[in-house]
PDB file of N, CA and C in Angstrom:
ATOM      1  N   MET A   1     -15.609  -6.576   4.587  1.00  0.00           N
ATOM      2  CA  MET A   1     -15.675  -4.790   4.129  1.00  0.00           C
ATOM      3  C   MET A   1     -14.450  -5.338   3.151  1.00  0.00           C
ATOM      4  N   THR A   2     -14.392  -4.227   1.648  1.00  0.00           N
ATOM      5  CA  THR A   2     -13.275  -4.027   0.561  1.00  0.00           C
ATOM      6  C   THR A   2     -13.083  -2.808   0.664  1.00  0.00           C
ATOM      7  N   TYR A   3     -11.591  -2.530   0.515  1.00  0.00           N
ATOM      8  CA  TYR A   3     -11.126  -1.130   0.060  1.00  0.00           C
ATOM      9  C   TYR A   3     -11.010  -1.032  -1.499  1.00  0.00           C
ATOM     10  N   ARG A   4     -11.181   0.482  -1.783  1.00  0.00           N
ATOM     11  CA  ARG A   4     -10.913   0.980  -3.295  1.00  0.00           C
ATOM     12  C   ARG A   4     -10.153   2.087  -3.002  1.00  0.00           C
ATOM     13  N   PHE A   5      -9.190   1.794  -3.762  1.00  0.00           N
ATOM     14  CA  PHE A   5      -8.565   3.567  -3.971  1.00  0.00           C
ATOM     15  C   PHE A   5      -9.367   4.104  -5.147  1.00  0.00           C
ATOM     16  N   LEU A   6      -9.705   5.592  -4.823  1.00  0.00           N
ATOM     17  CA  LEU A   6     -10.244   6.094  -6.149  1.00  0.00           C
ATOM     18  C   LEU A   6      -9.024   6.111  -7.122  1.00  0.00           C
ATOM     19  N   ALA A   7      -9.126   6.903  -8.625  1.00  0.00           N
ATOM     20  CA  ALA A   7      -7.400   6.931  -9.374  1.00  0.00           C
ATOM     21  C   ALA A   7      -6.947   7.898  -8.447  1.00  0.00           C
ATOM     22  N   PRO A   8      -7.030   8.929  -8.420  1.00  0.00           N
ATOM     23  CA  PRO A   8      -6.311   9.554  -7.984  1.00  0.00           C
ATOM     24  C   PRO A   8      -5.487   9.663  -6.653  1.00  0.00           C
ATOM     25  N   ALA A   9      -6.335   8.849  -5.808  1.00  0.00           N
ATOM     26  CA  ALA A   9      -5.409   8.285  -4.384  1.00  0.00           C
ATOM     27  C   ALA A   9      -4.580   6.822  -5.008  1.00  0.00           C
ATOM     28  N   ARG A  10      -5.086   6.129  -5.776  1.00  0.00           N
ATOM     29  CA  ARG A  10      -3.903   5.396  -6.591  1.00  0.00           C
ATOM     30  C   ARG A  10      -2.871   5.694  -7.074  1.00  0.00           C
ATOM     31  N   SER A  11      -2.958   7.137  -8.148  1.00  0.00           N
ATOM     32  CA  SER A  11      -1.669   8.049  -8.641  1.00  0.00           C
ATOM     33  C   SER A  11      -0.709   8.798  -6.973  1.00  0.00           C
ATOM     34  N   ASP A  12      -1.651   8.840  -6.290  1.00  0.00           N
ATOM     35  CA  ASP A  12      -0.945   9.525  -5.369  1.00  0.00           C
ATOM     36  C   ASP A  12       0.199   8.876  -4.410  1.00  0.00           C
ATOM     37  N   PHE A  13      -0.168   7.115  -4.593  1.00  0.00           N
ATOM     38  CA  PHE A  13       0.430   5.973  -3.832  1.00  0.00           C
ATOM     39  C   PHE A  13       1.510   5.478  -4.810  1.00  0.00           C
ATOM     40  N   ASP A  14       1.208   5.720  -5.531  1.00  0.00           N
ATOM     41  CA  ASP A  14       2.284   5.349  -7.139  1.00  0.00           C
ATOM     42  C   ASP A  14       3.453   6.488  -7.103  1.00  0.00           C
ATOM     43  N   ASP A  15       2.811   7.773  -7.157  1.00  0.00           N
ATOM     44  CA  ASP A  15       3.970   8.915  -6.714  1.00  0.00           C
ATOM     45  C   ASP A  15       4.678   8.163  -5.659  1.00  0.00           C
ATOM     46  N   ALA A  16       4.375   8.012  -4.573  1.00  0.00           N
ATOM     47  CA  ALA A  16       4.919   7.843  -3.565  1.00  0.00           C
ATOM     48  C   ALA A  16       5.896   6.850  -3.768  1.00  0.00           C
ATOM     49  N   VAL A  17       5.385   6.075  -4.111  1.00  0.00           N
ATOM     50  CA  VAL A  17       6.598   4.302  -4.596  1.00  0.00           C
ATOM     51  C   VAL A  17       7.535   4.964  -5.385  1.00  0.00           C
ATOM     52  N   ASP A  18       7.438   5.489  -6.318  1.00  0.00           N
ATOM     53  CA  ASP A  18       8.075   6.149  -7.503  1.00  0.00           C
ATOM     54  C   ASP A  18       9.422   7.341  -6.476  1.00  0.00           C
ATOM     55  N   TRP A  19       8.362   8.177  -5.686  1.00  0.00           N
ATOM     56  CA  TRP A  19       9.478   8.564  -4.875  1.00  0.00           C
ATOM     57  C   TRP A  19      10.477   7.979  -4.171  1.00  0.00           C
ATOM     58  N   PHE A  20      10.383   7.082  -3.561  1.00  0.00           N
ATOM     59  CA  PHE A  20      10.815   6.057  -2.659  1.00  0.00           C
ATOM     60  C   PHE A  20      11.448   5.440  -3.365  1.00  0.00           C
ATOM     61  N   ALA A  21      11.185   4.702  -4.334  1.00  0.00           N
ATOM     62  CA  ALA A  21      12.356   4.036  -5.394  1.00  0.00           C
ATOM     63  C   ALA A  21      13.505   4.955  -5.853  1.00  0.00           C
ATOM     64  N   SER A  22      13.159   5.866  -6.178  1.00  0.00           N
ATOM     65  CA  SER A  22      14.490   6.929  -6.924  1.00  0.00           C
ATOM     66  C   SER A  22      15.242   7.516  -5.645  1.00  0.00           C
ATOM     67  N   GLN A  23      14.448   7.921  -4.827  1.00  0.00           N
ATOM     68  CA  GLN A  23      15.370   9.047  -3.606  1.00  0.00           C
ATOM     69  C   GLN A  23      15.602   7.948  -2.498  1.00  0.00           C
ATOM     70  N   GLN A  24      15.265   6.874  -1.833  1.00  0.00           N
ATOM     71  CA  GLN A  24      15.718   5.797  -0.530  1.00  0.00           C
ATOM     72  C   GLN A  24      15.168   4.357  -1.076  1.00  0.00           C
ATOM     73  N   PRO A  25      15.878   4.162  -2.378  1.00  0.00           N
ATOM     74  CA  PRO A  25      15.938   2.944  -3.030  1.00  0.00           C
ATOM     75  C   PRO A  25      15.097   1.614  -1.906  1.00  0.00           C
ATOM     76  N   ALA A  26      16.237   2.007  -0.842  1.00  0.00           N
ATOM     77  CA  ALA A  26      16.092   0.897   0.489  1.00  0.00           C
ATOM     78  C   ALA A  26      15.051   0.535   1.047  1.00  0.00           C
ATOM     79  N   SER A  27      13.885   2.395   1.367  1.00  0.00           N
ATOM     80  CA  SER A  27      12.935   1.915   1.821  1.00  0.00           C
ATOM     81  C   SER A  27      11.971   1.938   1.264  1.00  0.00           C
ATOM     82  N   VAL A  28      11.842   1.571  -0.038  1.00  0.00           N
ATOM     83  CA  VAL A  28      10.852   1.706  -0.978  1.00  0.00           C
ATOM     84  C   VAL A  28       9.429   0.407  -0.501  1.00  0.00           C
ATOM     85  N   ASN A  29       9.977  -1.056  -0.481  1.00  0.00           N
ATOM     86  CA  ASN A  29       9.709  -1.968   0.003  1.00  0.00           C
ATOM     87  C   ASN A  29       8.800  -1.756   1.358  1.00  0.00           C
ATOM     88  N   ASN A  30       9.690  -0.920   2.081  1.00  0.00           N
ATOM     89  CA  ASN A  30       9.144  -0.981   3.694  1.00  0.00           C
ATOM     90  C   ASN A  30       7.786   0.081   3.627  1.00  0.00           C
ATOM     91  N   PHE A  31       8.127   0.961   2.454  1.00  0.00           N
ATOM     92  CA  PHE A  31       7.307   1.692   2.258  1.00  0.00           C
ATOM     93  C   PHE A  31       5.449   1.198   2.190  1.00  0.00           C
ATOM     94  N   ILE A  32       5.734   0.419   1.320  1.00  0.00           N
ATOM     95  CA  ILE A  32       4.572  -0.312   0.515  1.00  0.00           C
ATOM     96  C   ILE A  32       3.754  -1.245   1.319  1.00  0.00           C
ATOM     97  N   ALA A  33       4.879  -1.794   2.509  1.00  0.00           N
ATOM     98  CA  ALA A  33       4.176  -2.772   3.425  1.00  0.00           C
ATOM     99  C   ALA A  33       3.556  -2.241   3.788  1.00  0.00           C
ATOM    100  N   GLU A  34       4.101  -0.550   4.863  1.00  0.00           N
ATOM    101  CA  GLU A  34       3.564  -0.161   6.056  1.00  0.00           C
ATOM    102  C   GLU A  34       2.473   0.301   5.147  1.00  0.00           C
ATOM    103  N   ALA A  35       2.065   0.527   3.761  1.00  0.00           N
ATOM    104  CA  ALA A  35       1.006   1.671   3.638  1.00  0.00           C
ATOM    105  C   ALA A  35      -0.149   0.697   3.652  1.00  0.00           C
ATOM    106  N   TYR A  36       0.155  -1.157   3.044  1.00  0.00           N
ATOM    107  CA  TYR A  36      -0.629  -1.617   3.187  1.00  0.00           C
ATOM    108  C   TYR A  36      -1.116  -2.337   4.366  1.00  0.00           C
ATOM    109  N   ALA A  37      -0.625  -2.423   5.332  1.00  0.00           N
ATOM    110  CA  ALA A  37      -0.722  -2.612   6.391  1.00  0.00           C
ATOM    111  C   ALA A  37      -1.393  -1.402   7.758  1.00  0.00           C
ATOM    112  N   THR A  38      -1.375  -0.025   7.197  1.00  0.00           N
ATOM    113  CA  THR A  38      -2.467   0.847   7.267  1.00  0.00           C
ATOM    114  C   THR A  38      -3.621   0.689   6.823  1.00  0.00           C
ATOM    115  N   VAL A  39      -4.052   0.340   5.613  1.00  0.00           N
ATOM    116  CA  VAL A  39      -5.164  -0.324   5.168  1.00  0.00           C
ATOM    117  C   VAL A  39      -5.620  -1.288   6.206  1.00  0.00           C
ATOM    118  N   GLN A  40      -4.860  -2.210   6.176  1.00  0.00           N
ATOM    119  CA  GLN A  40      -5.512  -3.553   7.114  1.00  0.00           C
ATOM    120  C   GLN A  40      -5.820  -3.370   8.391  1.00  0.00           C
ATOM    121  N   ARG A  41      -5.347  -2.212   9.035  1.00  0.00           N
ATOM    122  CA  ARG A  41      -6.092  -1.201  10.188  1.00  0.00           C
ATOM    123  C   ARG A  41      -7.150  -1.100   9.992  1.00  0.00           C
ATOM    124  N   MET A  42      -7.513  -0.010   9.232  1.00  0.00           N
ATOM    125  CA  MET A  42      -8.231   0.817   8.683  1.00  0.00           C
ATOM    126  C   MET A  42      -9.582  -0.136   8.528  1.00  0.00           C
ATOM    127  N   LEU A  43      -9.399  -1.121   7.973  1.00  0.00           N
ATOM    128  CA  LEU A  43      -9.881  -1.842   7.636  1.00  0.00           C
ATOM    129  C   LEU A  43     -10.898  -3.125   8.891  1.00  0.00           C
ATOM    130  N   ALA A  44      -9.939  -3.413   9.960  1.00  0.00           N
ATOM    131  CA  ALA A  44      -9.979  -4.119  11.105  1.00  0.00           C
ATOM    132  C   ALA A  44     -10.794  -3.104  11.883  1.00  0.00           C
ATOM    133  N   THR A  45     -11.060  -1.413  11.743  1.00  0.00           N
ATOM    134  CA  THR A  45     -11.494  -0.700  12.892  1.00  0.00           C
ATOM    135  C   THR A  45     -11.640   0.703  11.483  1.00  0.00           C
ATOM    136  N   PRO A  46     -12.622   0.467  10.990  1.00  0.00           N
ATOM    137  CA  PRO A  46     -12.920   1.650  10.266  1.00  0.00           C
ATOM    138  C   PRO A  46     -13.286   3.128  10.687  1.00  0.00           C
ATOM    139  N   HIS A  47     -13.671   3.049  11.891  1.00  0.00           N
ATOM    140  CA  HIS A  47     -14.392   4.183  12.313  1.00  0.00           C
ATOM    141  C   HIS A  47     -13.482   4.359  14.081  1.00  0.00           C
ATOM    142  N   GLY A  48     -12.580   3.501  13.884  1.00  0.00           N
ATOM    143  CA  GLY A  48     -11.377   3.874  14.730  1.00  0.00           C
ATOM    144  C   GLY A  48     -10.354   5.128  14.763  1.00  0.00           C
ATOM    145  N   PHE A  49     -10.478   5.471  13.772  1.00  0.00           N
ATOM    146  CA  PHE A  49      -9.389   6.387  12.961  1.00  0.00           C
ATOM    147  C   PHE A  49      -9.933   7.977  13.213  1.00  0.00           C
ATOM    148  N   PRO A  50      -9.361   8.926  13.519  1.00  0.00           N
ATOM    149  CA  PRO A  50     -10.264  10.698  13.653  1.00  0.00           C
ATOM    150  C   PRO A  50     -10.748  10.884  12.372  1.00  0.00           C
ATOM    151  N   ARG A  51     -11.573  11.636  12.506  1.00  0.00           N
ATOM    152  CA  ARG A  51     -12.334  12.460  11.452  1.00  0.00           C
ATOM    153  C   ARG A  51     -11.386  13.528  11.399  1.00  0.00           C
ATOM    154  N   ALA A  52     -11.955  13.561   9.501  1.00  0.00           N
ATOM    155  CA  ALA A  52     -10.799  14.391   9.043  1.00  0.00           C
ATOM    156  C   ALA A  52     -11.641  15.645   8.808  1.00  0.00           C
ATOM    157  N   GLY A  53     -12.743  16.008   8.770  1.00  0.00           N
ATOM    158  CA  GLY A  53     -13.276  16.782   8.834  1.00  0.00           C
ATOM    159  C   GLY A  53     -14.529  16.831   8.215  1.00  0.00           C
ATOM    160  N   ARG A  54     -15.770  17.924   8.598  1.00  0.00           N
ATOM    161  CA  ARG A  54     -16.976  17.977   7.930  1.00  0.00           C
ATOM    162  C   ARG A  54     -17.241  17.789   6.479  1.00  0.00           C
ATOM    163  N   VAL A  55     -18.431  17.035   6.510  1.00  0.00           N
ATOM    164  CA  VAL A  55     -18.663  16.298   4.707  1.00  0.00           C
ATOM    165  C   VAL A  55     -19.870  16.697   4.744  1.00  0.00           C
ATOM    166  N   ALA A  56     -20.362  17.580   3.768  1.00  0.00           N
ATOM    167  CA  ALA A  56     -22.302  17.704   3.581  1.00  0.00           C
ATOM    168  C   ALA A  56     -22.566  16.658   3.448  1.00  0.00           C
ATOM    169  N   GLY A  57     -23.782  16.200   3.944  1.00  0.00           N
ATOM    170  CA  GLY A  57     -24.977  15.050   3.811  1.00  0.00           C
ATOM    171  C   GLY A  57     -24.605  14.271   4.829  1.00  0.00           C
ATOM    172  N   GLY A  58     -23.941  14.600   5.958  1.00  0.00           N
ATOM    173  CA  GLY A  58     -23.715  13.284   6.884  1.00  0.00           C
ATOM    174  C   GLY A  58     -22.287  12.564   6.496  1.00  0.00           C
ATOM    175  N   ARG A  59     -21.927  12.614   5.178  1.00  0.00           N
ATOM    176  CA  ARG A  59     -20.517  11.926   5.432  1.00  0.00           C
ATOM    177  C   ARG A  59     -19.803  11.984   6.255  1.00  0.00           C
ATOM    178  N   GLN A  60     -18.943  10.660   6.322  1.00  0.00           N
ATOM    179  CA  GLN A  60     -18.201  11.119   7.310  1.00  0.00           C
ATOM    180  C   GLN A  60     -16.231  10.694   6.407  1.00  0.00           C
ATOM    181  N   ALA A  61     -15.241  11.618   6.570  1.00  0.00           N
ATOM    182  CA  ALA A  61     -13.583  11.193   5.964  1.00  0.00           C
ATOM    183  C   ALA A  61     -13.261  11.208   7.248  1.00  0.00           C
ATOM    184  N   ARG A  62     -12.480  10.039   7.155  1.00  0.00           N
ATOM    185  CA  ARG A  62     -11.281   9.950   8.277  1.00  0.00           C
ATOM    186  C   ARG A  62     -10.050   9.481   7.740  1.00  0.00           C
ATOM    187  N   VAL A  63      -8.614   9.976   8.888  1.00  0.00           N
ATOM    188  CA  VAL A  63      -7.478   9.719   8.301  1.00  0.00           C
ATOM    189  C   VAL A  63      -6.790   8.970   9.345  1.00  0.00           C
ATOM    190  N   SER A  64      -5.921   7.920   8.344  1.00  0.00           N
ATOM    191  CA  SER A  64      -4.932   7.361   9.031  1.00  0.00           C
ATOM    192  C   SER A  64      -3.378   7.697   8.788  1.00  0.00           C
ATOM    193  N   THR A  65      -2.343   7.370   9.572  1.00  0.00           N
ATOM    194  CA  THR A  65      -1.066   7.579   9.319  1.00  0.00           C
ATOM    195  C   THR A  65      -0.317   6.129   9.030  1.00  0.00           C
ATOM    196  N   VAL A  66       0.406   6.658   7.876  1.00  0.00           N
ATOM    197  CA  VAL A  66       1.372   5.581   7.561  1.00  0.00           C
ATOM    198  C   VAL A  66       2.579   5.558   8.468  1.00  0.00           C
ATOM    199  N   HIS A  67       2.730   4.673   9.466  1.00  0.00           N
ATOM    200  CA  HIS A  67       3.710   4.234  10.135  1.00  0.00           C
ATOM    201  C   HIS A  67       5.128   5.364   9.699  1.00  0.00           C
ATOM    202  N   ARG A  68       6.178   5.317  10.526  1.00  0.00           N
ATOM    203  CA  ARG A  68       7.437   5.553  10.109  1.00  0.00           C
ATOM    204  C   ARG A  68       7.245   6.450   8.611  1.00  0.00           C
ATOM    205  N   PHE A  69       6.547   6.709   8.486  1.00  0.00           N
ATOM    206  CA  PHE A  69       6.819   7.665   6.845  1.00  0.00           C
ATOM    207  C   PHE A  69       6.023   8.556   6.816  1.00  0.00           C
ATOM    208  N   GLY A  70       5.186   9.141   7.489  1.00  0.00           N
ATOM    209  CA  GLY A  70       4.639  10.605   7.566  1.00  0.00           C
ATOM    210  C   GLY A  70       3.615  10.807   6.934  1.00  0.00           C
ATOM    211  N   TYR A  71       3.279   9.692   5.686  1.00  0.00           N
ATOM    212  CA  TYR A  71       2.174   9.663   4.940  1.00  0.00           C
ATOM    213  C   TYR A  71       0.852   9.742   5.637  1.00  0.00           C
ATOM    214  N   LEU A  72      -0.228  10.682   4.517  1.00  0.00           N
ATOM    215  CA  LEU A  72      -1.899  10.394   5.686  1.00  0.00           C
ATOM    216  C   LEU A  72      -2.790   9.719   4.664  1.00  0.00           C
ATOM    217  N   VAL A  73      -3.227   8.360   4.984  1.00  0.00           N
ATOM    218  CA  VAL A  73      -4.609   8.346   4.368  1.00  0.00           C
ATOM    219  C   VAL A  73      -5.668   8.776   4.454  1.00  0.00           C
ATOM    220  N   TYR A  74      -6.508   9.396   3.677  1.00  0.00           N
ATOM    221  CA  TYR A  74      -7.686  10.193   3.769  1.00  0.00           C
ATOM    222  C   TYR A  74      -8.834   9.149   3.439  1.00  0.00           C
ATOM    223  N   TYR A  75     -10.037   8.768   3.663  1.00  0.00           N
ATOM    224  CA  TYR A  75     -10.640   7.671   3.581  1.00  0.00           C
ATOM    225  C   TYR A  75     -12.363   8.023   4.113  1.00  0.00           C
ATOM    226  N   GLU A  76     -13.182   7.349   3.415  1.00  0.00           N
ATOM    227  CA  GLU A  76     -14.551   7.439   3.794  1.00  0.00           C
ATOM    228  C   GLU A  76     -15.015   5.594   4.184  1.00  0.00           C
ATOM    229  N   VAL A  77     -15.646   5.738   4.564  1.00  0.00           N
ATOM    230  CA  VAL A  77     -16.380   4.705   4.883  1.00  0.00           C
ATOM    231  C   VAL A  77     -17.847   4.392   4.755  1.00  0.00           C
ATOM    232  N   THR A  78     -18.300   3.612   3.894  1.00  0.00           N
ATOM    233  CA  THR A  78     -19.443   3.261   3.156  1.00  0.00           C
ATOM    234  C   THR A  78     -20.213   2.033   3.330  1.00  0.00           C
ATOM    235  N   ALA A  79     -21.264   1.779   2.960  1.00  0.00           N
ATOM    236  CA  ALA A  79     -22.218   0.339   3.818  1.00  0.00           C
ATOM    237  C   ALA A  79     -21.023  -0.875   3.589  1.00  0.00           C
ATOM    238  N   THR A  80     -20.603  -0.632   2.086  1.00  0.00           N
ATOM    239  CA  THR A  80     -19.588  -2.141   1.839  1.00  0.00           C
ATOM    240  C   THR A  80     -17.783  -2.005   1.700  1.00  0.00           C
ATOM    241  N   GLU A  81     -18.011  -0.465   1.486  1.00  0.00           N
ATOM    242  CA  GLU A  81     -16.614  -0.474   1.289  1.00  0.00           C
ATOM    243  C   GLU A  81     -15.820   0.439   2.421  1.00  0.00           C
ATOM    244  N   LEU A  82     -14.458   0.458   1.953  1.00  0.00           N
ATOM    245  CA  LEU A  82     -13.829   1.293   2.601  1.00  0.00           C
ATOM    246  C   LEU A  82     -12.695   2.372   1.411  1.00  0.00           C
ATOM    247  N   LEU A  83     -12.567   3.718   1.346  1.00  0.00           N
ATOM    248  CA  LEU A  83     -12.884   4.176   0.044  1.00  0.00           C
ATOM    249  C   LEU A  83     -11.813   5.148  -0.098  1.00  0.00           C
ATOM    250  N   ILE A  84     -10.440   5.059  -0.295  1.00  0.00           N
ATOM    251  CA  ILE A  84      -9.477   5.880  -0.063  1.00  0.00           C
ATOM    252  C   ILE A  84      -9.629   6.975  -0.882  1.00  0.00           C
ATOM    253  N   LEU A  85      -9.415   8.145  -0.727  1.00  0.00           N
ATOM    254  CA  LEU A  85      -9.676   9.413  -1.008  1.00  0.00           C
ATOM    255  C   LEU A  85      -8.281   9.876  -1.555  1.00  0.00           C
ATOM    256  N   CYS A  86      -7.572   9.632  -1.102  1.00  0.00           N
ATOM    257  CA  CYS A  86      -5.755  10.729  -1.073  1.00  0.00           C
ATOM    258  C   CYS A  86      -4.879   9.906  -0.362  1.00  0.00           C
ATOM    259  N   VAL A  87      -3.436   9.895  -0.587  1.00  0.00           N
ATOM    260  CA  VAL A  87      -2.552   9.504   0.164  1.00  0.00           C
ATOM    261  C   VAL A  87      -1.455  10.310   0.023  1.00  0.00           C
ATOM    262  N   VAL A  88      -1.086  11.391   1.018  1.00  0.00           N
ATOM    263  CA  VAL A  88      -0.259  12.579   1.110  1.00  0.00           C
ATOM    264  C   VAL A  88       0.704  12.387   1.905  1.00  0.00           C
ATOM    265  N   HIS A  89       1.546  12.818   1.828  1.00  0.00           N
ATOM    266  CA  HIS A  89       2.659  13.424   3.169  1.00  0.00           C
ATOM    267  C   HIS A  89       2.252  14.681   3.820  1.00  0.00           C
ATOM    268  N   SER A  90       2.208  14.081   5.307  1.00  0.00           N
ATOM    269  CA  SER A  90       1.956  15.005   6.162  1.00  0.00           C
ATOM    270  C   SER A  90       2.313  16.738   6.020  1.00  0.00           C
ATOM    271  N   LYS A  91       3.432  16.542   5.515  1.00  0.00           N
ATOM    272  CA  LYS A  91       4.487  18.288   4.913  1.00  0.00           C
ATOM    273  C   LYS A  91       4.133  18.742   3.834  1.00  0.00           C
ATOM    274  N   ARG A  92       2.845  18.027   3.521  1.00  0.00           N
ATOM    275  CA  ARG A  92       2.590  18.827   2.170  1.00  0.00           C
ATOM    276  C   ARG A  92       1.459  19.489   2.363  1.00  0.00           C
ATOM    277  N   GLY A  93       1.300  21.142   1.656  1.00  0.00           N
ATOM    278  CA  GLY A  93       0.202  22.016   2.381  1.00  0.00           C
ATOM    279  C   GLY A  93      -0.897  22.109   1.932  1.00  0.00           C
ATOM    280  N   SER A  94      -1.383  21.282   1.212  1.00  0.00           N
ATOM    281  CA  SER A  94      -3.001  20.999   0.728  1.00  0.00           C
ATOM    282  C   SER A  94      -3.141  19.400   1.086  1.00  0.00           C
ATOM    283  N   HIS A  95      -4.078  19.081   0.837  1.00  0.00           N
ATOM    284  CA  HIS A  95      -4.811  17.700   1.036  1.00  0.00           C
ATOM    285  C   HIS A  95      -6.049  17.519   0.515  1.00  0.00           C
ATOM    286  N   PRO A  96      -6.148  17.086  -1.057  1.00  0.00           N
ATOM    287  CA  PRO A  96      -7.142  17.201  -1.548  1.00  0.00           C
ATOM    288  C   PRO A  96      -8.479  16.276  -1.460  1.00  0.00           C
ATOM    289  N   TRP A  97      -8.606  16.071  -0.380  1.00  0.00           N
ATOM    290  CA  TRP A  97      -9.417  14.474  -0.353  1.00  0.00           C
ATOM    291  C   TRP A  97     -10.831  14.978  -0.699  1.00  0.00           C
ATOM    292  N   ARG A  98     -11.072  16.277  -0.050  1.00  0.00           N
ATOM    293  CA  ARG A  98     -12.722  17.092   0.105  1.00  0.00           C
ATOM    294  C   ARG A  98     -13.068  16.902  -1.627  1.00  0.00           C
ATOM    295  N   GLN A  99     -12.135  17.480  -2.646  1.00  0.00           N
ATOM    296  CA  GLN A  99     -12.759  17.621  -3.781  1.00  0.00           C
ATOM    297  C   GLN A  99     -12.839  15.720  -4.665  1.00  0.00           C
ATOM    298  N   ARG A 100     -12.265  14.893  -3.944  1.00  0.00           N
ATOM    299  CA  ARG A 100     -12.266  13.795  -4.432  1.00  0.00           C
ATOM    300  C   ARG A 100     -13.456  13.013  -4.380  1.00  0.00           C
ATOM    301  N   LEU A 101     -14.523  13.477  -2.771  1.00  0.00           N
ATOM    302  CA  LEU A 101     -15.305  12.623  -2.623  1.00  0.00           C
ATOM    303  C   LEU A 101     -16.210  12.825  -3.673  1.00  0.00           C
ATOM    304  N   PRO A 102     -16.713  11.301  -4.083  1.00  0.00           N
ATOM    305  CA  PRO A 102     -17.574  11.396  -5.407  1.00  0.00           C
ATOM    306  C   PRO A 102     -18.641  11.166  -4.954  1.00  0.00           C
TER     307      PRO A 102
END
């Protein structure tokens, strides 16, 4: 199985990296490494994370946490790939993963 960031999710991730680079430069490499470790855990057990909520048509979105950083990664498992929908800090009020489903 492979993974793919939707363009808005890639932008979310890049924005988080930029924030860490400007606000906590010593943490930026750790954040990047932990985010990709999270993706590897998701690939290893794609259905092993909690469902994020109901989605029309029987589709399932799930959510995982980037350890130590408080970011959430929302994703959908398809037959061939893990589709990353949203990367957002857990304290942010809205998590736009539903609007990003293709």
